[in-house]
């Protein structure tokens, strides 16, 4: 059984007891969050999709982490212009506890 869930504008294919990294969501470690924007759900023999689908996905926040550093470097040749900056994106690690 799996479901396709929209979390923070991105779509994720999730299963029960799966751990994944999503864009940062509010909450602290140990909190339970619920996602109601389920786009598709497959059971044992049936596939449900669309607006008639009333499913929810419950997950537990494991912790907050930062992604790898991304460097943005701009340069114009022969002009002496160089600009370098970077960032690390914030992610939340969640564990899917239930698909209902």
PDB file of N, CA and C in Angstrom:
ATOM      1  N   UNK A   1       0.839  -1.171   0.000  1.00  0.00           N
ATOM      2  CA  UNK A   1       0.000   0.000   0.000  1.00  0.00           C
ATOM      3  C   UNK A   1       0.886   1.236   0.000  1.00  0.00           C
ATOM      4  N   UNK A   2       0.598   2.159  -0.897  1.00  0.00           N
ATOM      5  CA  UNK A   2       1.350   3.404  -0.937  1.00  0.00           C
ATOM      6  C   UNK A   2       0.413   4.546  -1.283  1.00  0.00           C
ATOM      7  N   UNK A   3       0.932   5.772  -1.086  1.00  0.00           N
ATOM      8  CA  UNK A   3       0.159   6.972  -1.401  1.00  0.00           C
ATOM      9  C   UNK A   3       1.105   8.028  -1.956  1.00  0.00           C
ATOM     10  N   UNK A   4       0.553   8.899  -2.775  1.00  0.00           N
ATOM     11  CA  UNK A   4       1.295  10.055  -3.274  1.00  0.00           C
ATOM     12  C   UNK A   4       0.737  11.272  -2.551  1.00  0.00           C
ATOM     13  N   UNK A   5       1.615  11.973  -1.809  1.00  0.00           N
ATOM     14  CA  UNK A   5       1.206  13.073  -0.936  1.00  0.00           C
ATOM     15  C   UNK A   5       1.900  14.349  -1.382  1.00  0.00           C
ATOM     16  N   UNK A   6       1.181  15.459  -1.283  1.00  0.00           N
ATOM     17  CA  UNK A   6       1.762  16.765  -1.584  1.00  0.00           C
ATOM     18  C   UNK A   6       2.171  17.417  -0.265  1.00  0.00           C
ATOM     19  N   UNK A   7       3.483  17.624  -0.100  1.00  0.00           N
ATOM     20  CA  UNK A   7       4.027  18.226   1.119  1.00  0.00           C
ATOM     21  C   UNK A   7       4.858  19.434   0.708  1.00  0.00           C
ATOM     22  N   UNK A   8       4.458  20.605   1.153  1.00  0.00           N
ATOM     23  CA  UNK A   8       5.169  21.864   0.885  1.00  0.00           C
ATOM     24  C   UNK A   8       5.400  22.078  -0.608  1.00  0.00           C
ATOM     25  N   UNK A   9       4.386  21.766  -1.430  1.00  0.00           N
ATOM     26  CA  UNK A   9       4.470  22.009  -2.853  1.00  0.00           C
ATOM     27  C   UNK A   9       5.187  20.939  -3.648  1.00  0.00           C
ATOM     28  N   UNK A  10       5.650  19.877  -3.014  1.00  0.00           N
ATOM     29  CA  UNK A  10       6.336  18.788  -3.707  1.00  0.00           C
ATOM     30  C   UNK A  10       5.576  17.487  -3.480  1.00  0.00           C
ATOM     31  N   UNK A  11       5.665  16.591  -4.448  1.00  0.00           N
ATOM     32  CA  UNK A  11       4.962  15.323  -4.342  1.00  0.00           C
ATOM     33  C   UNK A  11       5.918  14.219  -3.915  1.00  0.00           C
ATOM     34  N   UNK A  12       5.463  13.396  -2.968  1.00  0.00           N
ATOM     35  CA  UNK A  12       6.260  12.294  -2.449  1.00  0.00           C
ATOM     36  C   UNK A  12       5.445  11.009  -2.488  1.00  0.00           C
ATOM     37  N   UNK A  13       6.083   9.914  -2.874  1.00  0.00           N
ATOM     38  CA  UNK A  13       5.458   8.586  -2.827  1.00  0.00           C
ATOM     39  C   UNK A  13       5.866   7.972  -1.497  1.00  0.00           C
ATOM     40  N   UNK A  14       4.904   7.683  -0.641  1.00  0.00           N
ATOM     41  CA  UNK A  14       5.206   7.233   0.716  1.00  0.00           C
ATOM     42  C   UNK A  14       4.561   5.876   0.994  1.00  0.00           C
ATOM     43  N   UNK A  15       5.199   5.124   1.893  1.00  0.00           N
ATOM     44  CA  UNK A  15       4.690   3.859   2.395  1.00  0.00           C
ATOM     45  C   UNK A  15       4.798   3.881   3.906  1.00  0.00           C
ATOM     46  N   UNK A  16       4.118   2.958   4.544  1.00  0.00           N
ATOM     47  CA  UNK A  16       4.158   2.883   6.007  1.00  0.00           C
ATOM     48  C   UNK A  16       5.572   2.532   6.466  1.00  0.00           C
ATOM     49  N   UNK A  17       6.021   3.147   7.559  1.00  0.00           N
ATOM     50  CA  UNK A  17       7.345   2.968   8.170  1.00  0.00           C
ATOM     51  C   UNK A  17       8.490   3.466   7.295  1.00  0.00           C
ATOM     52  N   UNK A  18       8.216   4.301   6.310  1.00  0.00           N
ATOM     53  CA  UNK A  18       9.259   4.878   5.474  1.00  0.00           C
ATOM     54  C   UNK A  18       9.765   6.165   6.108  1.00  0.00           C
ATOM     55  N   UNK A  19      11.072   6.407   6.007  1.00  0.00           N
ATOM     56  CA  UNK A  19      11.680   7.639   6.499  1.00  0.00           C
ATOM     57  C   UNK A  19      12.130   8.457   5.299  1.00  0.00           C
ATOM     58  N   UNK A  20      11.783   9.747   5.287  1.00  0.00           N
ATOM     59  CA  UNK A  20      12.184  10.581   4.172  1.00  0.00           C
ATOM     60  C   UNK A  20      12.422  12.010   4.620  1.00  0.00           C
ATOM     61  N   UNK A  21      13.126  12.755   3.768  1.00  0.00           N
ATOM     62  CA  UNK A  21      13.437  14.154   4.023  1.00  0.00           C
ATOM     63  C   UNK A  21      12.510  15.020   3.181  1.00  0.00           C
ATOM     64  N   UNK A  22      11.826  15.964   3.827  1.00  0.00           N
ATOM     65  CA  UNK A  22      10.903  16.867   3.151  1.00  0.00           C
ATOM     66  C   UNK A  22      11.330  18.300   3.459  1.00  0.00           C
ATOM     67  N   UNK A  23      10.893  19.283   2.652  1.00  0.00           N
ATOM     68  CA  UNK A  23      11.180  20.674   3.010  1.00  0.00           C
ATOM     69  C   UNK A  23      10.666  20.975   4.408  1.00  0.00           C
ATOM     70  N   UNK A  24      11.328  21.864   5.093  1.00  0.00           N
ATOM     71  CA  UNK A  24      11.082  22.082   6.523  1.00  0.00           C
ATOM     72  C   UNK A  24       9.619  22.366   6.837  1.00  0.00           C
ATOM     73  N   UNK A  25       9.100  21.625   7.816  1.00  0.00           N
ATOM     74  CA  UNK A  25       7.748  21.834   8.327  1.00  0.00           C
ATOM     75  C   UNK A  25       7.852  22.226   9.795  1.00  0.00           C
ATOM     76  N   UNK A  26       6.847  22.933  10.272  1.00  0.00           N
ATOM     77  CA  UNK A  26       6.851  23.411  11.652  1.00  0.00           C
ATOM     78  C   UNK A  26       6.605  22.262  12.612  1.00  0.00           C
ATOM     79  N   UNK A  27       7.278  22.300  13.745  1.00  0.00           N
ATOM     80  CA  UNK A  27       7.118  21.281  14.779  1.00  0.00           C
ATOM     81  C   UNK A  27       8.481  20.884  15.316  1.00  0.00           C
ATOM     82  N   UNK A  28       8.452  20.183  16.435  1.00  0.00           N
ATOM     83  CA  UNK A  28       9.706  19.734  17.026  1.00  0.00           C
ATOM     84  C   UNK A  28       9.765  18.210  16.959  1.00  0.00           C
ATOM     85  N   UNK A  29      10.922  17.667  17.275  1.00  0.00           N
ATOM     86  CA  UNK A  29      11.126  16.223  17.198  1.00  0.00           C
ATOM     87  C   UNK A  29      10.151  15.503  18.129  1.00  0.00           C
ATOM     88  N   UNK A  30       9.514  14.470  17.616  1.00  0.00           N
ATOM     89  CA  UNK A  30       8.544  13.709  18.386  1.00  0.00           C
ATOM     90  C   UNK A  30       7.109  14.100  18.137  1.00  0.00           C
ATOM     91  N   UNK A  31       6.875  15.247  17.501  1.00  0.00           N
ATOM     92  CA  UNK A  31       5.505  15.677  17.197  1.00  0.00           C
ATOM     93  C   UNK A  31       4.924  14.837  16.063  1.00  0.00           C
ATOM     94  N   UNK A  32       3.608  14.719  16.061  1.00  0.00           N
ATOM     95  CA  UNK A  32       2.902  14.013  14.998  1.00  0.00           C
ATOM     96  C   UNK A  32       2.228  15.040  14.101  1.00  0.00           C
ATOM     97  N   UNK A  33       2.408  14.889  12.789  1.00  0.00           N
ATOM     98  CA  UNK A  33       1.784  15.793  11.834  1.00  0.00           C
ATOM     99  C   UNK A  33       0.916  14.968  10.886  1.00  0.00           C
ATOM    100  N   UNK A  34      -0.058  15.633  10.280  1.00  0.00           N
ATOM    101  CA  UNK A  34      -0.995  14.948   9.400  1.00  0.00           C
ATOM    102  C   UNK A  34      -1.067  15.685   8.075  1.00  0.00           C
ATOM    103  N   UNK A  35      -0.967  14.948   6.989  1.00  0.00           N
ATOM    104  CA  UNK A  35      -1.053  15.508   5.647  1.00  0.00           C
ATOM    105  C   UNK A  35      -2.365  15.043   5.026  1.00  0.00           C
ATOM    106  N   UNK A  36      -3.221  15.982   4.653  1.00  0.00           N
ATOM    107  CA  UNK A  36      -4.525  15.628   4.096  1.00  0.00           C
ATOM    108  C   UNK A  36      -4.579  15.789   2.584  1.00  0.00           C
ATOM    109  N   UNK A  37      -3.527  16.331   1.992  1.00  0.00           N
ATOM    110  CA  UNK A  37      -3.494  16.544   0.546  1.00  0.00           C
ATOM    111  C   UNK A  37      -2.931  15.300  -0.149  1.00  0.00           C
ATOM    112  N   UNK A  38      -3.724  14.231  -0.177  1.00  0.00           N
ATOM    113  CA  UNK A  38      -3.321  12.963  -0.794  1.00  0.00           C
ATOM    114  C   UNK A  38      -3.839  12.955  -2.225  1.00  0.00           C
ATOM    115  N   UNK A  39      -2.934  12.767  -3.186  1.00  0.00           N
ATOM    116  CA  UNK A  39      -3.301  12.820  -4.596  1.00  0.00           C
ATOM    117  C   UNK A  39      -3.684  11.454  -5.153  1.00  0.00           C
ATOM    118  N   UNK A  40      -3.052  10.397  -4.655  1.00  0.00           N
ATOM    119  CA  UNK A  40      -3.300   9.056  -5.160  1.00  0.00           C
ATOM    120  C   UNK A  40      -3.050   8.063  -4.040  1.00  0.00           C
ATOM    121  N   UNK A  41      -3.842   6.985  -4.032  1.00  0.00           N
ATOM    122  CA  UNK A  41      -3.643   5.955  -3.011  1.00  0.00           C
ATOM    123  C   UNK A  41      -3.937   4.598  -3.630  1.00  0.00           C
ATOM    124  N   UNK A  42      -3.023   3.661  -3.406  1.00  0.00           N
ATOM    125  CA  UNK A  42      -3.218   2.315  -3.914  1.00  0.00           C
ATOM    126  C   UNK A  42      -3.319   1.345  -2.751  1.00  0.00           C
ATOM    127  N   UNK A  43      -4.411   0.593  -2.728  1.00  0.00           N
ATOM    128  CA  UNK A  43      -4.594  -0.443  -1.721  1.00  0.00           C
ATOM    129  C   UNK A  43      -4.102  -1.773  -2.261  1.00  0.00           C
ATOM    130  N   UNK A  44      -4.707  -2.865  -1.773  1.00  0.00           N
ATOM    131  CA  UNK A  44      -4.294  -4.177  -2.256  1.00  0.00           C
ATOM    132  C   UNK A  44      -4.714  -4.405  -3.699  1.00  0.00           C
ATOM    133  N   UNK A  45      -5.964  -4.085  -4.034  1.00  0.00           N
ATOM    134  CA  UNK A  45      -6.458  -4.331  -5.390  1.00  0.00           C
ATOM    135  C   UNK A  45      -7.073  -3.116  -6.052  1.00  0.00           C
ATOM    136  N   UNK A  46      -7.095  -1.980  -5.393  1.00  0.00           N
ATOM    137  CA  UNK A  46      -7.759  -0.825  -5.972  1.00  0.00           C
ATOM    138  C   UNK A  46      -6.854   0.396  -5.960  1.00  0.00           C
ATOM    139  N   UNK A  47      -7.114   1.281  -6.913  1.00  0.00           N
ATOM    140  CA  UNK A  47      -6.352   2.517  -7.058  1.00  0.00           C
ATOM    141  C   UNK A  47      -7.335   3.673  -6.971  1.00  0.00           C
ATOM    142  N   UNK A  48      -7.148   4.568  -6.010  1.00  0.00           N
ATOM    143  CA  UNK A  48      -8.046   5.697  -5.807  1.00  0.00           C
ATOM    144  C   UNK A  48      -7.309   6.990  -6.113  1.00  0.00           C
ATOM    145  N   UNK A  49      -8.000   7.892  -6.784  1.00  0.00           N
ATOM    146  CA  UNK A  49      -7.394   9.159  -7.140  1.00  0.00           C
ATOM    147  C   UNK A  49      -8.482  10.224  -7.252  1.00  0.00           C
ATOM    148  N   UNK A  50      -8.097  11.481  -7.241  1.00  0.00           N
ATOM    149  CA  UNK A  50      -9.034  12.566  -7.481  1.00  0.00           C
ATOM    150  C   UNK A  50      -9.615  13.171  -6.224  1.00  0.00           C
ATOM    151  N   UNK A  51     -10.642  13.994  -6.427  1.00  0.00           N
ATOM    152  CA  UNK A  51     -11.249  14.761  -5.340  1.00  0.00           C
ATOM    153  C   UNK A  51     -12.069  13.891  -4.398  1.00  0.00           C
ATOM    154  N   UNK A  52     -12.547  12.723  -4.871  1.00  0.00           N
ATOM    155  CA  UNK A  52     -13.360  11.858  -4.015  1.00  0.00           C
ATOM    156  C   UNK A  52     -12.531  11.113  -2.979  1.00  0.00           C
ATOM    157  N   UNK A  53     -11.218  11.195  -3.077  1.00  0.00           N
ATOM    158  CA  UNK A  53     -10.319  10.501  -2.157  1.00  0.00           C
ATOM    159  C   UNK A  53     -10.232  11.262  -0.831  1.00  0.00           C
ATOM    160  N   UNK A  54     -10.638  10.635   0.259  1.00  0.00           N
ATOM    161  CA  UNK A  54     -10.613  11.266   1.587  1.00  0.00           C
ATOM    162  C   UNK A  54      -9.600  10.546   2.477  1.00  0.00           C
ATOM    163  N   UNK A  55      -8.358  10.536   2.064  1.00  0.00           N
ATOM    164  CA  UNK A  55      -7.322   9.835   2.821  1.00  0.00           C
ATOM    165  C   UNK A  55      -6.428  10.846   3.533  1.00  0.00           C
ATOM    166  N   UNK A  56      -5.784  10.398   4.597  1.00  0.00           N
ATOM    167  CA  UNK A  56      -4.808  11.207   5.318  1.00  0.00           C
ATOM    168  C   UNK A  56      -3.569  10.364   5.590  1.00  0.00           C
ATOM    169  N   UNK A  57      -2.454  11.045   5.694  1.00  0.00           N
ATOM    170  CA  UNK A  57      -1.188  10.393   6.016  1.00  0.00           C
ATOM    171  C   UNK A  57      -0.671  11.010   7.298  1.00  0.00           C
ATOM    172  N   UNK A  58      -0.389  10.174   8.291  1.00  0.00           N
ATOM    173  CA  UNK A  58       0.148  10.650   9.560  1.00  0.00           C
ATOM    174  C   UNK A  58       1.627  10.304   9.632  1.00  0.00           C
ATOM    175  N   UNK A  59       2.406  11.251  10.122  1.00  0.00           N
ATOM    176  CA  UNK A  59       3.847  11.073  10.196  1.00  0.00           C
ATOM    177  C   UNK A  59       4.373  11.645  11.507  1.00  0.00           C
ATOM    178  N   UNK A  60       5.531  11.153  11.916  1.00  0.00           N
ATOM    179  CA  UNK A  60       6.192  11.631  13.130  1.00  0.00           C
ATOM    180  C   UNK A  60       7.474  12.340  12.729  1.00  0.00           C
ATOM    181  N   UNK A  61       7.710  13.506  13.320  1.00  0.00           N
ATOM    182  CA  UNK A  61       8.929  14.261  13.033  1.00  0.00           C
ATOM    183  C   UNK A  61      10.087  13.625  13.790  1.00  0.00           C
ATOM    184  N   UNK A  62      11.122  13.226  13.043  1.00  0.00           N
ATOM    185  CA  UNK A  62      12.311  12.628  13.659  1.00  0.00           C
ATOM    186  C   UNK A  62      13.309  13.716  14.040  1.00  0.00           C
ATOM    187  N   UNK A  63      13.484  14.706  13.179  1.00  0.00           N
ATOM    188  CA  UNK A  63      14.405  15.800  13.472  1.00  0.00           C
ATOM    189  C   UNK A  63      14.523  16.755  12.298  1.00  0.00           C
ATOM    190  N   UNK A  64      15.259  17.836  12.527  1.00  0.00           N
ATOM    191  CA  UNK A  64      15.504  18.836  11.492  1.00  0.00           C
ATOM    192  C   UNK A  64      16.980  18.792  11.132  1.00  0.00           C
ATOM    193  N   UNK A  65      17.284  18.852   9.832  1.00  0.00           N
ATOM    194  CA  UNK A  65      18.657  18.802   9.351  1.00  0.00           C
ATOM    195  C   UNK A  65      18.843  19.838   8.241  1.00  0.00           C
ATOM    196  N   UNK A  66      20.101  20.068   7.884  1.00  0.00           N
ATOM    197  CA  UNK A  66      20.435  20.932   6.758  1.00  0.00           C
ATOM    198  C   UNK A  66      20.962  20.079   5.620  1.00  0.00           C
ATOM    199  N   UNK A  67      20.665  20.488   4.386  1.00  0.00           N
ATOM    200  CA  UNK A  67      21.147  19.776   3.212  1.00  0.00           C
ATOM    201  C   UNK A  67      22.593  20.144   2.918  1.00  0.00           C
ATOM    202  N   UNK A  68      23.091  19.633   1.794  1.00  0.00           N
ATOM    203  CA  UNK A  68      24.455  19.940   1.384  1.00  0.00           C
ATOM    204  C   UNK A  68      24.564  21.401   0.955  1.00  0.00           C
ATOM    205  N   UNK A  69      25.768  21.935   1.045  1.00  0.00           N
ATOM    206  CA  UNK A  69      25.988  23.329   0.689  1.00  0.00           C
ATOM    207  C   UNK A  69      25.920  23.505  -0.826  1.00  0.00           C
ATOM    208  N   UNK A  70      25.197  24.544  -1.247  1.00  0.00           N
ATOM    209  CA  UNK A  70      25.065  24.878  -2.658  1.00  0.00           C
ATOM    210  C   UNK A  70      25.782  26.203  -2.873  1.00  0.00           C
ATOM    211  N   UNK A  71      26.753  26.217  -3.786  1.00  0.00           N
ATOM    212  CA  UNK A  71      27.544  27.414  -4.060  1.00  0.00           C
ATOM    213  C   UNK A  71      27.032  28.076  -5.345  1.00  0.00           C
ATOM    214  N   UNK A  72      26.807  29.380  -5.297  1.00  0.00           N
ATOM    215  CA  UNK A  72      26.446  30.168  -6.478  1.00  0.00           C
ATOM    216  C   UNK A  72      27.597  31.133  -6.737  1.00  0.00           C
ATOM    217  N   UNK A  73      28.238  31.008  -7.895  1.00  0.00           N
ATOM    218  CA  UNK A  73      29.397  31.827  -8.225  1.00  0.00           C
ATOM    219  C   UNK A  73      29.126  32.549  -9.539  1.00  0.00           C
ATOM    220  N   UNK A  74      29.271  33.895  -9.507  1.00  0.00           N
ATOM    221  CA  UNK A  74      29.079  34.694 -10.705  1.00  0.00           C
ATOM    222  C   UNK A  74      30.394  35.389 -11.024  1.00  0.00           C
ATOM    223  N   UNK A  75      30.697  35.485 -12.332  1.00  0.00           N
ATOM    224  CA  UNK A  75      31.949  36.124 -12.728  1.00  0.00           C
ATOM    225  C   UNK A  75      31.794  36.711 -14.125  1.00  0.00           C
ATOM    226  N   UNK A  76      32.365  37.888 -14.321  1.00  0.00           N
ATOM    227  CA  UNK A  76      32.424  38.478 -15.658  1.00  0.00           C
ATOM    228  C   UNK A  76      33.897  38.574 -16.041  1.00  0.00           C
ATOM    229  N   UNK A  77      34.236  37.934 -17.113  1.00  0.00           N
ATOM    230  CA  UNK A  77      35.647  37.869 -17.476  1.00  0.00           C
ATOM    231  C   UNK A  77      36.194  39.239 -17.879  1.00  0.00           C
ATOM    232  N   UNK A  78      37.428  39.449 -17.524  1.00  0.00           N
ATOM    233  CA  UNK A  78      38.204  40.664 -17.813  1.00  0.00           C
ATOM    234  C   UNK A  78      37.645  41.917 -17.157  1.00  0.00           C
ATOM    235  N   UNK A  79      36.708  41.798 -16.238  1.00  0.00           N
ATOM    236  CA  UNK A  79      36.116  42.963 -15.583  1.00  0.00           C
ATOM    237  C   UNK A  79      36.457  43.025 -14.103  1.00  0.00           C
ATOM    238  N   UNK A  80      36.974  41.953 -13.547  1.00  0.00           N
ATOM    239  CA  UNK A  80      37.288  41.926 -12.120  1.00  0.00           C
ATOM    240  C   UNK A  80      36.065  41.702 -11.248  1.00  0.00           C
ATOM    241  N   UNK A  81      34.969  41.274 -11.839  1.00  0.00           N
ATOM    242  CA  UNK A  81      33.743  41.054 -11.078  1.00  0.00           C
ATOM    243  C   UNK A  81      33.629  39.584 -10.694  1.00  0.00           C
ATOM    244  N   UNK A  82      33.612  39.327  -9.402  1.00  0.00           N
ATOM    245  CA  UNK A  82      33.413  37.976  -8.881  1.00  0.00           C
ATOM    246  C   UNK A  82      32.504  38.061  -7.671  1.00  0.00           C
ATOM    247  N   UNK A  83      31.539  37.206  -7.632  1.00  0.00           N
ATOM    248  CA  UNK A  83      30.607  37.174  -6.507  1.00  0.00           C
ATOM    249  C   UNK A  83      30.345  35.723  -6.160  1.00  0.00           C
ATOM    250  N   UNK A  84      30.532  35.374  -4.894  1.00  0.00           N
ATOM    251  CA  UNK A  84      30.335  34.005  -4.451  1.00  0.00           C
ATOM    252  C   UNK A  84      29.472  34.003  -3.201  1.00  0.00           C
ATOM    253  N   UNK A  85      28.410  33.225  -3.235  1.00  0.00           N
ATOM    254  CA  UNK A  85      27.597  33.034  -2.051  1.00  0.00           C
ATOM    255  C   UNK A  85      27.001  31.636  -2.106  1.00  0.00           C
ATOM    256  N   UNK A  86      26.584  31.142  -0.964  1.00  0.00           N
ATOM    257  CA  UNK A  86      26.026  29.799  -0.901  1.00  0.00           C
ATOM    258  C   UNK A  86      24.975  29.702   0.178  1.00  0.00           C
ATOM    259  N   UNK A  87      24.318  28.558   0.217  1.00  0.00           N
ATOM    260  CA  UNK A  87      23.301  28.331   1.236  1.00  0.00           C
ATOM    261  C   UNK A  87      23.153  26.831   1.473  1.00  0.00           C
ATOM    262  N   UNK A  88      22.520  26.498   2.580  1.00  0.00           N
ATOM    263  CA  UNK A  88      22.176  25.116   2.912  1.00  0.00           C
ATOM    264  C   UNK A  88      20.678  25.085   3.193  1.00  0.00           C
ATOM    265  N   UNK A  89      19.955  24.286   2.440  1.00  0.00           N
ATOM    266  CA  UNK A  89      18.517  24.196   2.571  1.00  0.00           C
ATOM    267  C   UNK A  89      18.141  23.410   3.819  1.00  0.00           C
ATOM    268  N   UNK A  90      17.096  23.856   4.505  1.00  0.00           N
ATOM    269  CA  UNK A  90      16.622  23.182   5.715  1.00  0.00           C
ATOM    270  C   UNK A  90      15.607  22.109   5.346  1.00  0.00           C
ATOM    271  N   UNK A  91      15.788  20.926   5.920  1.00  0.00           N
ATOM    272  CA  UNK A  91      14.883  19.802   5.698  1.00  0.00           C
ATOM    273  C   UNK A  91      14.390  19.265   7.030  1.00  0.00           C
ATOM    274  N   UNK A  92      13.263  18.560   6.981  1.00  0.00           N
ATOM    275  CA  UNK A  92      12.723  17.869   8.144  1.00  0.00           C
ATOM    276  C   UNK A  92      12.699  16.384   7.825  1.00  0.00           C
ATOM    277  N   UNK A  93      13.203  15.579   8.719  1.00  0.00           N
ATOM    278  CA  UNK A  93      13.189  14.126   8.546  1.00  0.00           C
ATOM    279  C   UNK A  93      11.938  13.594   9.229  1.00  0.00           C
ATOM    280  N   UNK A  94      11.097  12.907   8.463  1.00  0.00           N
ATOM    281  CA  UNK A  94       9.853  12.381   9.017  1.00  0.00           C
ATOM    282  C   UNK A  94       9.780  10.870   8.793  1.00  0.00           C
ATOM    283  N   UNK A  95       8.988  10.218   9.633  1.00  0.00           N
ATOM    284  CA  UNK A  95       8.740   8.785   9.486  1.00  0.00           C
ATOM    285  C   UNK A  95       7.229   8.599   9.359  1.00  0.00           C
ATOM    286  N   UNK A  96       6.807   7.950   8.285  1.00  0.00           N
ATOM    287  CA  UNK A  96       5.392   7.727   8.021  1.00  0.00           C
ATOM    288  C   UNK A  96       4.883   6.650   8.971  1.00  0.00           C
ATOM    289  N   UNK A  97       3.861   7.002   9.754  1.00  0.00           N
ATOM    290  CA  UNK A  97       3.347   6.047  10.741  1.00  0.00           C
ATOM    291  C   UNK A  97       2.046   5.394  10.307  1.00  0.00           C
ATOM    292  N   UNK A  98       1.235   6.100   9.504  1.00  0.00           N
ATOM    293  CA  UNK A  98      -0.062   5.534   9.136  1.00  0.00           C
ATOM    294  C   UNK A  98      -0.585   6.177   7.862  1.00  0.00           C
ATOM    295  N   UNK A  99      -1.191   5.352   7.002  1.00  0.00           N
ATOM    296  CA  UNK A  99      -1.916   5.835   5.833  1.00  0.00           C
ATOM    297  C   UNK A  99      -3.352   5.382   6.003  1.00  0.00           C
ATOM    298  N   UNK A 100      -4.265   6.346   6.207  1.00  0.00           N
ATOM    299  CA  UNK A 100      -5.660   5.984   6.505  1.00  0.00           C
ATOM    300  C   UNK A 100      -6.596   6.575   5.465  1.00  0.00           C
TER     301      UNK A 100
END
